[in-house]
Amino acid sequence: MKTVRELFLELDEWKAYEANSTMSNIAKINHISRVKREIANRIDVEEYRDYILFKEKG
């Protein structure tokens, strides 16, 4: 199982990837979505509640 740090590194790599075709662009978008979902599932929302509410307030 990858750490959250490794997942963020993977996310950054996929965001920087330049797709050469429509199919590879679709694969890129799907992979980015999967990694974001995995990160979100691993983060404890209660632990970051104050930060999230502060950011929402702007």
N, C-alpha and C. Protein backbone atom coordinates (compact mmCIF):
# COMPACT_ATOMS: atom_id res chain seq x y z
N MET A 1 0.84 -1.18 0.00
CA MET A 1 0.00 0.00 0.00
C MET A 1 0.89 1.25 0.00
N LYS A 2 0.56 2.19 -0.84
CA LYS A 2 1.34 3.42 -0.95
C LYS A 2 0.99 4.38 0.19
N THR A 3 1.98 5.17 0.57
CA THR A 3 1.71 6.20 1.57
C THR A 3 1.00 7.37 0.90
N VAL A 4 0.44 8.26 1.69
CA VAL A 4 -0.23 9.44 1.14
C VAL A 4 0.79 10.30 0.40
N ARG A 5 2.00 10.38 0.93
CA ARG A 5 3.06 11.14 0.25
C ARG A 5 3.33 10.57 -1.14
N GLU A 6 3.41 9.25 -1.24
CA GLU A 6 3.64 8.61 -2.53
C GLU A 6 2.47 8.85 -3.48
N LEU A 7 1.27 8.85 -2.94
CA LEU A 7 0.10 9.12 -3.78
C LEU A 7 0.13 10.55 -4.33
N PHE A 8 0.52 11.51 -3.49
CA PHE A 8 0.63 12.89 -3.97
C PHE A 8 1.71 13.01 -5.03
N LEU A 9 2.82 12.31 -4.87
CA LEU A 9 3.87 12.32 -5.89
C LEU A 9 3.36 11.73 -7.21
N GLU A 10 2.62 10.63 -7.09
CA GLU A 10 2.03 10.02 -8.28
C GLU A 10 1.05 10.97 -8.95
N LEU A 11 0.25 11.65 -8.15
CA LEU A 11 -0.71 12.62 -8.69
C LEU A 11 0.02 13.74 -9.45
N ASP A 12 1.08 14.26 -8.86
CA ASP A 12 1.86 15.30 -9.53
C ASP A 12 2.45 14.82 -10.85
N GLU A 13 2.94 13.58 -10.87
CA GLU A 13 3.50 13.01 -12.10
C GLU A 13 2.44 12.89 -13.18
N TRP A 14 1.25 12.41 -12.81
CA TRP A 14 0.19 12.26 -13.79
C TRP A 14 -0.33 13.60 -14.28
N LYS A 15 -0.37 14.61 -13.41
CA LYS A 15 -0.80 15.94 -13.85
C LYS A 15 0.19 16.53 -14.85
N ALA A 16 1.46 16.22 -14.69
CA ALA A 16 2.49 16.74 -15.59
C ALA A 16 2.57 15.96 -16.91
N TYR A 17 2.02 14.76 -16.93
CA TYR A 17 2.06 13.91 -18.12
C TYR A 17 1.30 14.57 -19.26
N GLU A 18 1.92 14.58 -20.45
CA GLU A 18 1.26 15.14 -21.63
C GLU A 18 0.81 13.99 -22.52
N ALA A 19 -0.49 13.85 -22.64
CA ALA A 19 -1.07 12.77 -23.44
C ALA A 19 -0.86 13.04 -24.93
N ASN A 20 -0.61 11.96 -25.67
CA ASN A 20 -0.37 12.08 -27.11
C ASN A 20 -1.60 11.78 -27.95
N SER A 21 -2.63 11.25 -27.31
CA SER A 21 -3.84 10.91 -28.05
C SER A 21 -5.05 11.07 -27.15
N THR A 22 -6.21 10.98 -27.74
CA THR A 22 -7.45 11.09 -26.97
C THR A 22 -7.55 9.96 -25.96
N MET A 23 -7.20 8.75 -26.36
CA MET A 23 -7.29 7.60 -25.45
C MET A 23 -6.33 7.75 -24.27
N SER A 24 -5.12 8.22 -24.52
CA SER A 24 -4.19 8.38 -23.41
C SER A 24 -4.60 9.55 -22.52
N ASN A 25 -5.28 10.54 -23.08
CA ASN A 25 -5.79 11.64 -22.27
C ASN A 25 -6.93 11.16 -21.37
N ILE A 26 -7.78 10.30 -21.89
CA ILE A 26 -8.86 9.72 -21.08
C ILE A 26 -8.26 8.88 -19.95
N ALA A 27 -7.24 8.09 -20.28
CA ALA A 27 -6.57 7.27 -19.26
C ALA A 27 -5.94 8.16 -18.20
N LYS A 28 -5.34 9.27 -18.62
CA LYS A 28 -4.73 10.22 -17.68
C LYS A 28 -5.79 10.78 -16.73
N ILE A 29 -6.90 11.22 -17.26
CA ILE A 29 -7.98 11.80 -16.45
C ILE A 29 -8.52 10.76 -15.47
N ASN A 30 -8.71 9.53 -15.94
CA ASN A 30 -9.22 8.46 -15.07
C ASN A 30 -8.22 8.14 -13.97
N HIS A 31 -6.95 8.10 -14.31
CA HIS A 31 -5.93 7.78 -13.30
C HIS A 31 -5.84 8.89 -12.25
N ILE A 32 -5.89 10.13 -12.68
CA ILE A 32 -5.86 11.26 -11.75
C ILE A 32 -7.07 11.18 -10.81
N SER A 33 -8.23 10.88 -11.34
CA SER A 33 -9.43 10.75 -10.51
C SER A 33 -9.29 9.63 -9.49
N ARG A 34 -8.73 8.51 -9.91
CA ARG A 34 -8.55 7.38 -9.01
C ARG A 34 -7.59 7.71 -7.88
N VAL A 35 -6.47 8.37 -8.21
CA VAL A 35 -5.49 8.73 -7.20
C VAL A 35 -6.08 9.76 -6.23
N LYS A 36 -6.82 10.75 -6.73
CA LYS A 36 -7.46 11.73 -5.85
C LYS A 36 -8.45 11.06 -4.90
N ARG A 37 -9.21 10.11 -5.43
CA ARG A 37 -10.19 9.39 -4.62
C ARG A 37 -9.48 8.58 -3.53
N GLU A 38 -8.37 7.95 -3.89
CA GLU A 38 -7.62 7.17 -2.92
C GLU A 38 -7.03 8.06 -1.83
N ILE A 39 -6.54 9.24 -2.21
CA ILE A 39 -6.02 10.19 -1.22
C ILE A 39 -7.14 10.63 -0.29
N ALA A 40 -8.28 10.98 -0.86
CA ALA A 40 -9.42 11.44 -0.06
C ALA A 40 -9.88 10.36 0.92
N ASN A 41 -9.84 9.12 0.51
CA ASN A 41 -10.25 8.02 1.39
C ASN A 41 -9.26 7.79 2.53
N ARG A 42 -8.03 8.20 2.34
CA ARG A 42 -7.00 7.96 3.35
C ARG A 42 -6.86 9.10 4.35
N ILE A 43 -7.43 10.26 4.05
CA ILE A 43 -7.29 11.43 4.92
C ILE A 43 -8.42 11.44 5.94
N ASP A 44 -8.06 11.65 7.19
CA ASP A 44 -9.04 11.75 8.27
C ASP A 44 -9.57 13.19 8.30
N VAL A 45 -10.81 13.35 7.89
CA VAL A 45 -11.42 14.68 7.78
C VAL A 45 -11.48 15.37 9.14
N GLU A 46 -11.76 14.63 10.19
CA GLU A 46 -11.85 15.22 11.52
C GLU A 46 -10.52 15.82 11.96
N GLU A 47 -9.44 15.19 11.57
CA GLU A 47 -8.12 15.69 11.93
C GLU A 47 -7.83 17.05 11.29
N TYR A 48 -8.37 17.28 10.10
CA TYR A 48 -8.11 18.52 9.36
C TYR A 48 -9.33 19.44 9.33
N ARG A 49 -10.27 19.19 10.19
CA ARG A 49 -11.52 19.96 10.21
C ARG A 49 -11.29 21.47 10.32
N ASP A 50 -10.49 21.90 11.28
CA ASP A 50 -10.25 23.33 11.48
C ASP A 50 -9.62 23.96 10.23
N TYR A 51 -8.68 23.28 9.63
CA TYR A 51 -8.02 23.79 8.43
C TYR A 51 -9.02 23.92 7.29
N ILE A 52 -9.86 22.90 7.10
CA ILE A 52 -10.84 22.92 6.02
C ILE A 52 -11.84 24.06 6.23
N LEU A 53 -12.32 24.22 7.44
CA LEU A 53 -13.27 25.29 7.71
C LEU A 53 -12.63 26.67 7.54
N PHE A 54 -11.36 26.79 7.93
CA PHE A 54 -10.64 28.05 7.75
C PHE A 54 -10.51 28.38 6.27
N LYS A 55 -10.16 27.40 5.45
CA LYS A 55 -10.00 27.62 4.00
C LYS A 55 -11.35 27.97 3.36
N GLU A 56 -12.43 27.38 3.86
CA GLU A 56 -13.75 27.67 3.31
C GLU A 56 -14.15 29.11 3.58
N LYS A 57 -13.76 29.61 4.75
CA LYS A 57 -14.11 30.98 5.13
C LYS A 57 -13.39 31.99 4.24
N GLY A 58 -12.22 31.59 3.76
CA GLY A 58 -11.50 32.43 2.82
C GLY A 58 -10.78 33.53 3.45
